[in-house]
Amino acid sequence: MAEQTTSAEQAELNPIFIVSGGAGALGKHVARIALSQFPDLTPPVIVIPQVSTQDQLPAIIAQVLERQGIIIHTMVDPLMREALVRACAEKQIVAIDTIGDPLACLAQLYQRVPVGQPGLYQRSHEVYLDRIKAIEYTVDHDDGRNPHELHEAEVVLTGVSRVGKTPLSIYLGVLGWKVANVPLVKELAPPRQLFEIDRRRVIGLTIDSDVLGHHRRWRNHAFAGTAGHAYTDPEYLYEEIQHARRVFRQGNFAVINVTNKPIEETADQVIALINRWFEHRLVK
C-alpha cells in the first residue's frame, strides 16, 4: 500500500525538470506516465524547452541545483546531449536520458546515423492532424453543404451530378487538401459564394455525355430507378453539361475533362493547377 504524503511534504518534493531541444512534450509525457505509479506524489514538473546551445546549460544546471531537482531530457542533438550529460555528472545531478539509448540502439540496428534534429516527431504529428482536419472539412462540405464556408476551402470542385466530385474530393482530402464540392443543376442557380471566392481555387469537372449517361444509368438501377427519366435522358444530359460549361465560363474557372480518367490522374491535375497558381504551396 502506498504511503500518504502530507501537504507539507508535497511542497518539499524535488521538482522534475524537462530539458528539451524542442517543445518538451515527450519528456513531460514520460514524467506523467512515471508519476502515475505514485498517485500520492505531485512534484512540480518544469519544462525548459528550445535548449539549442551549450551557453544555456549553466543557468539550467544552477536552477536544478538550487531546487535540488532531477532532469528528464530528450535531447536529439548528440553534442547537446553529451554536454548536458557531462554537466549533470559534474554536479551529481540525476539525469534521465529518454532518447539517447533508443537512438543508439536504432543506429546500431539499422546502420544509420540519426539526423539529430529536434521537433521532427511533432512536425510529423502535425501533418497527420492536418490531414484529419482536411478529411473532416471535405466531408462537411460535400455536395454543396455549408456554402458560406467555401472561402475556407483550398480546392472547390464543381460539376454536374455523377461527374465524380465526391470521390475526387475524398481522395484529395486524404492527401491533406481541404476540398469542397458544389453540384450544378440546370434548374437551379449556383450558390453566389462560388463566384465570390478566388476563382483559381475552383475547378470545373466535365465529362462526355455518353459516359455520364452510363454512370447515371448504373446509379439509377442501383436505386431501383427512383431518379426519374430526365436523369438519364441523353438530350437532358447534353443540356446539363452545356449549362455547367456556361457556369465555368462565367466564373472563368479552370476545367478538367474526367472522361475515362482514373481518379489519381485527375487528382494530379488538380494539385498541379493549384500549385502552379499558388507557388508558395508545396505538393502534399
C-alpha atoms as a PDB file:
ATOM      1  CA  MET A   1       0.000   0.000   0.000  1.00  0.00           C
ATOM      2  CA  ALA A   2       1.347   3.440  -0.981  1.00  0.00           C
ATOM      3  CA  GLU A   3       2.188   5.783   1.854  1.00  0.00           C
ATOM      4  CA  GLN A   4       0.210   9.008   2.009  1.00  0.00           C
ATOM      5  CA  THR A   5       2.164  12.244   1.672  1.00  0.00           C
ATOM      6  CA  THR A   6       1.230  15.312   3.713  1.00  0.00           C
ATOM      7  CA  SER A   7       0.742  18.730   2.092  1.00  0.00           C
ATOM      8  CA  ALA A   8       3.919  19.965   3.793  1.00  0.00           C
ATOM      9  CA  GLU A   9       5.870  17.082   2.295  1.00  0.00           C
ATOM     10  CA  GLN A  10       4.326  17.742  -1.121  1.00  0.00           C
ATOM     11  CA  ALA A  11       5.629  21.293  -1.014  1.00  0.00           C
ATOM     12  CA  GLU A  12       9.154  19.981  -0.416  1.00  0.00           C
ATOM     13  CA  LEU A  13       9.141  17.389  -3.212  1.00  0.00           C
ATOM     14  CA  ASN A  14      12.100  17.643  -5.543  1.00  0.00           C
ATOM     15  CA  PRO A  15      10.981  19.117  -8.863  1.00  0.00           C
ATOM     16  CA  ILE A  16      11.381  17.339 -12.185  1.00  0.00           C
ATOM     17  CA  PHE A  17      12.930  19.464 -14.926  1.00  0.00           C
ATOM     18  CA  ILE A  18      12.148  18.533 -18.527  1.00  0.00           C
ATOM     19  CA  VAL A  19      15.014  19.719 -20.736  1.00  0.00           C
ATOM     20  CA  SER A  20      14.379  19.534 -24.474  1.00  0.00           C
ATOM     21  CA  GLY A  21      15.627  20.885 -27.765  1.00  0.00           C
ATOM     22  CA  GLY A  22      12.003  21.063 -28.874  1.00  0.00           C
ATOM     23  CA  ALA A  23       8.747  21.740 -27.059  1.00  0.00           C
ATOM     24  CA  GLY A  24       9.377  19.191 -24.304  1.00  0.00           C
ATOM     25  CA  ALA A  25       6.116  17.299 -24.866  1.00  0.00           C
ATOM     26  CA  LEU A  26       7.790  13.878 -24.930  1.00  0.00           C
ATOM     27  CA  GLY A  27       9.688  14.411 -21.675  1.00  0.00           C
ATOM     28  CA  LYS A  28       6.588  15.745 -19.958  1.00  0.00           C
ATOM     29  CA  HIS A  29       4.624  12.721 -21.156  1.00  0.00           C
ATOM     30  CA  VAL A  30       7.285  10.347 -19.808  1.00  0.00           C
ATOM     31  CA  ALA A  31       7.237  12.134 -16.441  1.00  0.00           C
ATOM     32  CA  ARG A  32       3.456  11.887 -16.216  1.00  0.00           C
ATOM     33  CA  ILE A  33       3.482   8.167 -17.041  1.00  0.00           C
ATOM     34  CA  ALA A  34       6.102   7.505 -14.365  1.00  0.00           C
ATOM     35  CA  LEU A  35       4.363   9.684 -11.762  1.00  0.00           C
ATOM     36  CA  SER A  36       1.058   7.898 -12.374  1.00  0.00           C
ATOM     37  CA  GLN A  37       2.593   4.963 -10.496  1.00  0.00           C
ATOM     38  CA  PHE A  38       2.938   7.215  -7.432  1.00  0.00           C
ATOM     39  CA  PRO A  39      -0.595   8.644  -7.135  1.00  0.00           C
ATOM     40  CA  ASP A  40       0.103  10.334  -3.798  1.00  0.00           C
ATOM     41  CA  LEU A  41       3.007  12.370  -5.238  1.00  0.00           C
ATOM     42  CA  THR A  42       2.601  15.565  -7.241  1.00  0.00           C
ATOM     43  CA  PRO A  43       6.055  17.095  -7.599  1.00  0.00           C
ATOM     44  CA  PRO A  44       6.480  20.208  -9.740  1.00  0.00           C
ATOM     45  CA  VAL A  45       7.197  19.384 -13.392  1.00  0.00           C
ATOM     46  CA  ILE A  46       9.052  22.264 -15.023  1.00  0.00           C
ATOM     47  CA  VAL A  47       9.570  22.276 -18.796  1.00  0.00           C
ATOM     48  CA  ILE A  48      12.637  24.036 -20.202  1.00  0.00           C
ATOM     49  CA  PRO A  49      12.113  23.948 -23.986  1.00  0.00           C
ATOM     50  CA  GLN A  50      14.159  25.044 -27.012  1.00  0.00           C
ATOM     51  CA  VAL A  51      17.553  24.307 -25.469  1.00  0.00           C
ATOM     52  CA  SER A  52      19.752  24.584 -28.547  1.00  0.00           C
ATOM     53  CA  THR A  53      23.118  25.977 -27.384  1.00  0.00           C
ATOM     54  CA  GLN A  54      25.582  24.926 -24.705  1.00  0.00           C
ATOM     55  CA  ASP A  55      25.568  28.501 -23.396  1.00  0.00           C
ATOM     56  CA  GLN A  56      22.093  27.792 -21.984  1.00  0.00           C
ATOM     57  CA  LEU A  57      23.256  24.877 -19.837  1.00  0.00           C
ATOM     58  CA  PRO A  58      24.941  26.682 -16.879  1.00  0.00           C
ATOM     59  CA  ALA A  59      21.744  28.555 -15.996  1.00  0.00           C
ATOM     60  CA  ILE A  60      19.716  25.350 -16.263  1.00  0.00           C
ATOM     61  CA  ILE A  61      22.153  23.430 -14.062  1.00  0.00           C
ATOM     62  CA  ALA A  62      22.143  26.240 -11.494  1.00  0.00           C
ATOM     63  CA  GLN A  63      18.343  26.250 -11.376  1.00  0.00           C
ATOM     64  CA  VAL A  64      18.191  22.477 -10.893  1.00  0.00           C
ATOM     65  CA  LEU A  65      20.853  22.585  -8.168  1.00  0.00           C
ATOM     66  CA  GLU A  66      19.092  25.392  -6.322  1.00  0.00           C
ATOM     67  CA  ARG A  67      15.863  23.412  -6.148  1.00  0.00           C
ATOM     68  CA  GLN A  68      17.530  20.014  -5.750  1.00  0.00           C
ATOM     69  CA  GLY A  69      15.676  18.647  -8.724  1.00  0.00           C
ATOM     70  CA  ILE A  70      16.296  15.956 -11.293  1.00  0.00           C
ATOM     71  CA  ILE A  71      16.367  16.213 -15.076  1.00  0.00           C
ATOM     72  CA  ILE A  72      14.489  14.236 -17.707  1.00  0.00           C
ATOM     73  CA  HIS A  73      15.925  15.193 -21.077  1.00  0.00           C
ATOM     74  CA  THR A  74      15.003  14.469 -24.686  1.00  0.00           C
ATOM     75  CA  MET A  75      17.990  15.973 -26.482  1.00  0.00           C
ATOM     76  CA  VAL A  76      18.289  14.539 -30.003  1.00  0.00           C
ATOM     77  CA  ASP A  77      21.302  16.686 -30.910  1.00  0.00           C
ATOM     78  CA  PRO A  78      24.230  14.421 -29.903  1.00  0.00           C
ATOM     79  CA  LEU A  79      26.562  17.298 -28.984  1.00  0.00           C
ATOM     80  CA  MET A  80      23.934  18.966 -26.811  1.00  0.00           C
ATOM     81  CA  ARG A  81      23.042  15.639 -25.202  1.00  0.00           C
ATOM     82  CA  GLU A  82      26.682  14.882 -24.372  1.00  0.00           C
ATOM     83  CA  ALA A  83      27.214  18.384 -22.970  1.00  0.00           C
ATOM     84  CA  LEU A  84      24.128  18.119 -20.757  1.00  0.00           C
ATOM     85  CA  VAL A  85      25.048  14.637 -19.500  1.00  0.00           C
ATOM     86  CA  ARG A  86      28.575  15.839 -18.704  1.00  0.00           C
ATOM     87  CA  ALA A  87      27.314  18.940 -16.872  1.00  0.00           C
ATOM     88  CA  CYS A  88      24.893  16.848 -14.808  1.00  0.00           C
ATOM     89  CA  ALA A  89      27.617  14.350 -13.915  1.00  0.00           C
ATOM     90  CA  GLU A  90      29.941  17.122 -12.762  1.00  0.00           C
ATOM     91  CA  LYS A  91      27.275  18.456 -10.381  1.00  0.00           C
ATOM     92  CA  GLN A  92      25.969  14.998  -9.411  1.00  0.00           C
ATOM     93  CA  ILE A  93      22.513  15.763 -10.780  1.00  0.00           C
ATOM     94  CA  VAL A  94      20.299  12.787 -11.610  1.00  0.00           C
ATOM     95  CA  ALA A  95      19.656  12.943 -15.362  1.00  0.00           C
ATOM     96  CA  ILE A  96      17.308  10.541 -17.155  1.00  0.00           C
ATOM     97  CA  ASP A  97      18.068  10.227 -20.870  1.00  0.00           C
ATOM     98  CA  THR A  98      14.868   9.178 -22.664  1.00  0.00           C
ATOM     99  CA  ILE A  99      16.213   9.398 -26.209  1.00  0.00           C
ATOM    100  CA  GLY A 100      19.944   8.632 -26.222  1.00  0.00           C
ATOM    101  CA  ASP A 101      19.755   4.864 -25.661  1.00  0.00           C
ATOM    102  CA  PRO A 102      16.906   4.307 -28.170  1.00  0.00           C
ATOM    103  CA  LEU A 103      18.795   6.349 -30.775  1.00  0.00           C
ATOM    104  CA  ALA A 104      21.998   4.401 -30.164  1.00  0.00           C
ATOM    105  CA  CYS A 105      20.221   1.045 -30.428  1.00  0.00           C
ATOM    106  CA  LEU A 106      18.377   2.009 -33.609  1.00  0.00           C
ATOM    107  CA  ALA A 107      21.535   3.434 -35.158  1.00  0.00           C
ATOM    108  CA  GLN A 108      23.363   0.173 -34.490  1.00  0.00           C
ATOM    109  CA  LEU A 109      20.469  -1.999 -35.661  1.00  0.00           C
ATOM    110  CA  TYR A 110      19.870  -0.157 -38.941  1.00  0.00           C
ATOM    111  CA  GLN A 111      23.405   1.110 -39.524  1.00  0.00           C
ATOM    112  CA  ARG A 112      22.173   4.669 -39.907  1.00  0.00           C
ATOM    113  CA  VAL A 113      23.162   7.952 -38.300  1.00  0.00           C
ATOM    114  CA  PRO A 114      20.257   9.855 -36.656  1.00  0.00           C
ATOM    115  CA  VAL A 115      19.764  13.367 -38.035  1.00  0.00           C
ATOM    116  CA  GLY A 116      19.771  14.874 -34.533  1.00  0.00           C
ATOM    117  CA  GLN A 117      17.118  17.455 -35.378  1.00  0.00           C
ATOM    118  CA  PRO A 118      14.571  18.299 -32.637  1.00  0.00           C
ATOM    119  CA  GLY A 119      10.865  18.651 -33.374  1.00  0.00           C
ATOM    120  CA  LEU A 120      10.616  16.131 -36.231  1.00  0.00           C
ATOM    121  CA  TYR A 121       8.072  13.955 -34.416  1.00  0.00           C
ATOM    122  CA  GLN A 122       5.992  16.998 -33.567  1.00  0.00           C
ATOM    123  CA  ARG A 123       6.021  18.065 -37.204  1.00  0.00           C
ATOM    124  CA  SER A 124       5.015  14.627 -38.473  1.00  0.00           C
ATOM    125  CA  HIS A 125       2.223  14.531 -35.874  1.00  0.00           C
ATOM    126  CA  GLU A 126       1.026  17.960 -37.006  1.00  0.00           C
ATOM    127  CA  VAL A 127       0.942  16.744 -40.625  1.00  0.00           C
ATOM    128  CA  TYR A 128      -1.223  13.809 -39.522  1.00  0.00           C
ATOM    129  CA  LEU A 129      -3.603  16.112 -37.640  1.00  0.00           C
ATOM    130  CA  ASP A 130      -3.781  18.447 -40.643  1.00  0.00           C
ATOM    131  CA  ARG A 131      -4.876  15.518 -42.807  1.00  0.00           C
ATOM    132  CA  ILE A 132      -7.571  14.545 -40.332  1.00  0.00           C
ATOM    133  CA  LYS A 133      -8.850  18.129 -40.343  1.00  0.00           C
ATOM    134  CA  ALA A 134      -8.786  18.168 -44.153  1.00  0.00           C
ATOM    135  CA  ILE A 135     -10.865  14.987 -44.351  1.00  0.00           C
ATOM    136  CA  GLU A 136     -13.357  16.346 -41.813  1.00  0.00           C
ATOM    137  CA  TYR A 137     -13.680  19.592 -43.767  1.00  0.00           C
ATOM    138  CA  THR A 138     -14.139  17.696 -47.025  1.00  0.00           C
ATOM    139  CA  VAL A 139     -16.909  15.503 -45.609  1.00  0.00           C
ATOM    140  CA  ASP A 140     -18.666  18.535 -44.098  1.00  0.00           C
ATOM    141  CA  HIS A 141     -18.575  20.352 -47.450  1.00  0.00           C
ATOM    142  CA  ASP A 142     -19.633  17.539 -49.752  1.00  0.00           C
ATOM    143  CA  ASP A 143     -22.442  18.009 -52.269  1.00  0.00           C
ATOM    144  CA  GLY A 144     -22.867  21.742 -51.716  1.00  0.00           C
ATOM    145  CA  ARG A 145     -23.144  21.688 -47.929  1.00  0.00           C
ATOM    146  CA  ASN A 146     -22.158  24.796 -45.958  1.00  0.00           C
ATOM    147  CA  PRO A 147     -21.592  27.101 -48.957  1.00  0.00           C
ATOM    148  CA  HIS A 148     -20.956  30.025 -46.586  1.00  0.00           C
ATOM    149  CA  GLU A 149     -17.642  28.347 -45.730  1.00  0.00           C
ATOM    150  CA  LEU A 150     -16.388  27.897 -49.295  1.00  0.00           C
ATOM    151  CA  HIS A 151     -13.759  30.577 -48.693  1.00  0.00           C
ATOM    152  CA  GLU A 152     -12.025  28.179 -46.284  1.00  0.00           C
ATOM    153  CA  ALA A 153     -11.512  25.522 -48.970  1.00  0.00           C
ATOM    154  CA  GLU A 154      -8.175  25.040 -50.669  1.00  0.00           C
ATOM    155  CA  VAL A 155      -9.924  23.427 -53.638  1.00  0.00           C
ATOM    156  CA  VAL A 156     -13.544  23.714 -54.785  1.00  0.00           C
ATOM    157  CA  LEU A 157     -14.765  21.146 -57.317  1.00  0.00           C
ATOM    158  CA  THR A 158     -17.922  21.818 -59.276  1.00  0.00           C
ATOM    159  CA  GLY A 159     -19.844  19.993 -61.977  1.00  0.00           C
ATOM    160  CA  VAL A 160     -22.975  18.017 -62.760  1.00  0.00           C
ATOM    161  CA  SER A 161     -24.208  15.029 -60.786  1.00  0.00           C
ATOM    162  CA  ARG A 162     -22.160  11.807 -61.214  1.00  0.00           C
ATOM    163  CA  VAL A 163     -19.150  13.585 -62.704  1.00  0.00           C
ATOM    164  CA  GLY A 164     -17.065  12.250 -59.806  1.00  0.00           C
ATOM    165  CA  LYS A 165     -16.866  15.215 -57.445  1.00  0.00           C
ATOM    166  CA  THR A 166     -17.267  13.314 -54.177  1.00  0.00           C
ATOM    167  CA  PRO A 167     -14.718  10.500 -54.706  1.00  0.00           C
ATOM    168  CA  LEU A 168     -12.184  13.020 -56.036  1.00  0.00           C
ATOM    169  CA  SER A 169     -12.840  15.293 -53.049  1.00  0.00           C
ATOM    170  CA  ILE A 170     -12.279  12.464 -50.572  1.00  0.00           C
ATOM    171  CA  TYR A 171      -9.114  11.347 -52.375  1.00  0.00           C
ATOM    172  CA  LEU A 172      -7.697  14.877 -52.191  1.00  0.00           C
ATOM    173  CA  GLY A 173      -8.843  15.167 -48.581  1.00  0.00           C
ATOM    174  CA  VAL A 174      -6.855  12.068 -47.647  1.00  0.00           C
ATOM    175  CA  LEU A 175      -3.817  13.756 -49.212  1.00  0.00           C
ATOM    176  CA  GLY A 176      -4.367  16.700 -46.874  1.00  0.00           C
ATOM    177  CA  TRP A 177      -6.337  19.142 -49.035  1.00  0.00           C
ATOM    178  CA  LYS A 178      -9.426  20.891 -47.689  1.00  0.00           C
ATOM    179  CA  VAL A 179     -11.903  20.322 -50.509  1.00  0.00           C
ATOM    180  CA  ALA A 180     -15.488  21.426 -51.044  1.00  0.00           C
ATOM    181  CA  ASN A 181     -17.649  20.354 -53.954  1.00  0.00           C
ATOM    182  CA  VAL A 182     -20.633  22.130 -55.438  1.00  0.00           C
ATOM    183  CA  PRO A 183     -23.183  20.357 -57.669  1.00  0.00           C
ATOM    184  CA  LEU A 184     -24.507  22.178 -60.720  1.00  0.00           C
ATOM    185  CA  VAL A 185     -28.182  21.644 -61.518  1.00  0.00           C
ATOM    186  CA  LYS A 186     -29.645  23.155 -64.688  1.00  0.00           C
ATOM    187  CA  GLU A 187     -32.809  24.360 -62.990  1.00  0.00           C
ATOM    188  CA  LEU A 188     -31.034  25.950 -60.019  1.00  0.00           C
ATOM    189  CA  ALA A 189     -28.669  28.904 -59.800  1.00  0.00           C
ATOM    190  CA  PRO A 190     -25.248  28.050 -58.351  1.00  0.00           C
ATOM    191  CA  PRO A 191     -24.560  29.438 -54.868  1.00  0.00           C
ATOM    192  CA  ARG A 192     -23.295  33.014 -55.069  1.00  0.00           C
ATOM    193  CA  GLN A 193     -20.284  32.092 -52.930  1.00  0.00           C
ATOM    194  CA  LEU A 194     -18.927  30.076 -55.851  1.00  0.00           C
ATOM    195  CA  PHE A 195     -18.245  33.339 -57.686  1.00  0.00           C
ATOM    196  CA  GLU A 196     -17.076  35.278 -54.635  1.00  0.00           C
ATOM    197  CA  ILE A 197     -14.069  33.127 -53.723  1.00  0.00           C
ATOM    198  CA  ASP A 198     -10.708  33.124 -55.502  1.00  0.00           C
ATOM    199  CA  ARG A 199     -11.531  31.660 -58.923  1.00  0.00           C
ATOM    200  CA  ARG A 200      -8.132  29.933 -59.061  1.00  0.00           C
ATOM    201  CA  ARG A 201      -9.294  27.553 -56.360  1.00  0.00           C
ATOM    202  CA  VAL A 202     -12.357  26.458 -58.335  1.00  0.00           C
ATOM    203  CA  ILE A 203     -12.002  23.522 -60.728  1.00  0.00           C
ATOM    204  CA  GLY A 204     -14.835  22.664 -63.095  1.00  0.00           C
ATOM    205  CA  LEU A 205     -15.224  18.977 -63.909  1.00  0.00           C
ATOM    206  CA  THR A 206     -16.743  17.962 -67.223  1.00  0.00           C
ATOM    207  CA  ILE A 207     -17.342  14.601 -68.885  1.00  0.00           C
ATOM    208  CA  ASP A 208     -18.569  13.204 -72.190  1.00  0.00           C
ATOM    209  CA  SER A 209     -22.341  12.847 -72.181  1.00  0.00           C
ATOM    210  CA  ASP A 210     -22.365   9.150 -73.152  1.00  0.00           C
ATOM    211  CA  VAL A 211     -20.040   8.257 -70.268  1.00  0.00           C
ATOM    212  CA  LEU A 212     -22.111  10.393 -67.892  1.00  0.00           C
ATOM    213  CA  GLY A 213     -25.211   8.561 -69.112  1.00  0.00           C
ATOM    214  CA  HIS A 214     -23.595   5.221 -68.324  1.00  0.00           C
ATOM    215  CA  HIS A 215     -22.741   6.370 -64.782  1.00  0.00           C
ATOM    216  CA  ARG A 216     -26.244   7.630 -64.177  1.00  0.00           C
ATOM    217  CA  ARG A 217     -27.979   4.558 -65.575  1.00  0.00           C
ATOM    218  CA  TRP A 218     -25.887   2.360 -63.292  1.00  0.00           C
ATOM    219  CA  ARG A 219     -26.742   4.511 -60.276  1.00  0.00           C
ATOM    220  CA  ASN A 220     -30.423   4.668 -61.219  1.00  0.00           C
ATOM    221  CA  HIS A 221     -30.508   0.881 -61.496  1.00  0.00           C
ATOM    222  CA  ALA A 222     -28.811   0.543 -58.097  1.00  0.00           C
ATOM    223  CA  PHE A 223     -31.516   2.738 -56.547  1.00  0.00           C
ATOM    224  CA  ALA A 224     -34.391   0.981 -58.331  1.00  0.00           C
ATOM    225  CA  GLY A 225     -34.995   3.762 -60.839  1.00  0.00           C
ATOM    226  CA  THR A 226     -36.007   6.418 -58.319  1.00  0.00           C
ATOM    227  CA  ALA A 227     -34.211   9.291 -60.087  1.00  0.00           C
ATOM    228  CA  GLY A 228     -36.726   9.719 -62.909  1.00  0.00           C
ATOM    229  CA  HIS A 229     -36.466   9.695 -66.710  1.00  0.00           C
ATOM    230  CA  ALA A 230     -34.726  13.086 -67.151  1.00  0.00           C
ATOM    231  CA  TYR A 231     -31.803  11.941 -65.008  1.00  0.00           C
ATOM    232  CA  THR A 232     -30.651   9.553 -67.747  1.00  0.00           C
ATOM    233  CA  ASP A 233     -32.194  11.158 -70.850  1.00  0.00           C
ATOM    234  CA  PRO A 234     -29.378  11.782 -73.415  1.00  0.00           C
ATOM    235  CA  GLU A 235     -30.756  15.149 -74.505  1.00  0.00           C
ATOM    236  CA  TYR A 236     -31.116  16.336 -70.925  1.00  0.00           C
ATOM    237  CA  LEU A 237     -27.589  15.146 -70.120  1.00  0.00           C
ATOM    238  CA  TYR A 238     -26.213  17.175 -73.015  1.00  0.00           C
ATOM    239  CA  GLU A 239     -28.087  20.277 -71.829  1.00  0.00           C
ATOM    240  CA  GLU A 240     -26.788  19.784 -68.280  1.00  0.00           C
ATOM    241  CA  ILE A 241     -23.198  19.565 -69.470  1.00  0.00           C
ATOM    242  CA  GLN A 242     -23.620  22.682 -71.599  1.00  0.00           C
ATOM    243  CA  HIS A 243     -25.137  24.524 -68.632  1.00  0.00           C
ATOM    244  CA  ALA A 244     -22.158  23.527 -66.491  1.00  0.00           C
ATOM    245  CA  ARG A 245     -19.757  24.804 -69.137  1.00  0.00           C
ATOM    246  CA  ARG A 246     -21.561  28.157 -69.165  1.00  0.00           C
ATOM    247  CA  VAL A 247     -21.090  28.355 -65.393  1.00  0.00           C
ATOM    248  CA  PHE A 248     -17.390  27.556 -65.825  1.00  0.00           C
ATOM    249  CA  ARG A 249     -17.047  30.353 -68.379  1.00  0.00           C
ATOM    250  CA  GLN A 250     -18.996  32.763 -66.183  1.00  0.00           C
ATOM    251  CA  GLY A 251     -16.617  32.176 -63.282  1.00  0.00           C
ATOM    252  CA  ASN A 252     -13.546  31.856 -65.517  1.00  0.00           C
ATOM    253  CA  PHE A 253     -12.801  28.539 -63.818  1.00  0.00           C
ATOM    254  CA  ALA A 254     -10.227  26.000 -64.930  1.00  0.00           C
ATOM    255  CA  VAL A 255     -11.832  22.890 -66.422  1.00  0.00           C
ATOM    256  CA  ILE A 256     -10.711  19.266 -66.355  1.00  0.00           C
ATOM    257  CA  ASN A 257     -12.319  16.610 -68.538  1.00  0.00           C
ATOM    258  CA  VAL A 258     -12.527  13.479 -66.392  1.00  0.00           C
ATOM    259  CA  THR A 259     -13.804  11.143 -69.123  1.00  0.00           C
ATOM    260  CA  ASN A 260     -12.311   7.661 -68.617  1.00  0.00           C
ATOM    261  CA  LYS A 261      -9.589   9.027 -66.330  1.00  0.00           C
ATOM    262  CA  PRO A 262      -8.570   7.268 -63.131  1.00  0.00           C
ATOM    263  CA  ILE A 263      -9.121   9.341 -60.027  1.00  0.00           C
ATOM    264  CA  GLU A 264      -5.367   9.500 -59.341  1.00  0.00           C
ATOM    265  CA  GLU A 265      -4.703  11.189 -62.690  1.00  0.00           C
ATOM    266  CA  THR A 266      -7.432  13.771 -62.165  1.00  0.00           C
ATOM    267  CA  ALA A 267      -6.168  14.454 -58.635  1.00  0.00           C
ATOM    268  CA  ASP A 268      -2.655  15.014 -60.001  1.00  0.00           C
ATOM    269  CA  GLN A 269      -4.057  17.551 -62.476  1.00  0.00           C
ATOM    270  CA  VAL A 270      -5.948  19.395 -59.741  1.00  0.00           C
ATOM    271  CA  ILE A 271      -2.874  19.548 -57.497  1.00  0.00           C
ATOM    272  CA  ALA A 272      -0.685  20.704 -60.390  1.00  0.00           C
ATOM    273  CA  LEU A 273      -3.106  23.542 -61.192  1.00  0.00           C
ATOM    274  CA  ILE A 274      -3.346  24.707 -57.587  1.00  0.00           C
ATOM    275  CA  ASN A 275       0.413  24.555 -57.062  1.00  0.00           C
ATOM    276  CA  ARG A 276       1.030  26.442 -60.293  1.00  0.00           C
ATOM    277  CA  TRP A 277      -1.258  29.277 -59.238  1.00  0.00           C
ATOM    278  CA  PHE A 278      -0.113  29.328 -55.631  1.00  0.00           C
ATOM    279  CA  GLU A 279       3.610  28.771 -55.909  1.00  0.00           C
ATOM    280  CA  HIS A 280       4.157  29.111 -52.160  1.00  0.00           C
ATOM    281  CA  ARG A 281       2.311  25.833 -51.637  1.00  0.00           C
ATOM    282  CA  LEU A 282       4.111  22.503 -51.784  1.00  0.00           C
ATOM    283  CA  VAL A 283       2.605  19.322 -53.143  1.00  0.00           C
ATOM    284  CA  LYS A 284       1.152  17.383 -50.207  1.00  0.00           C
END
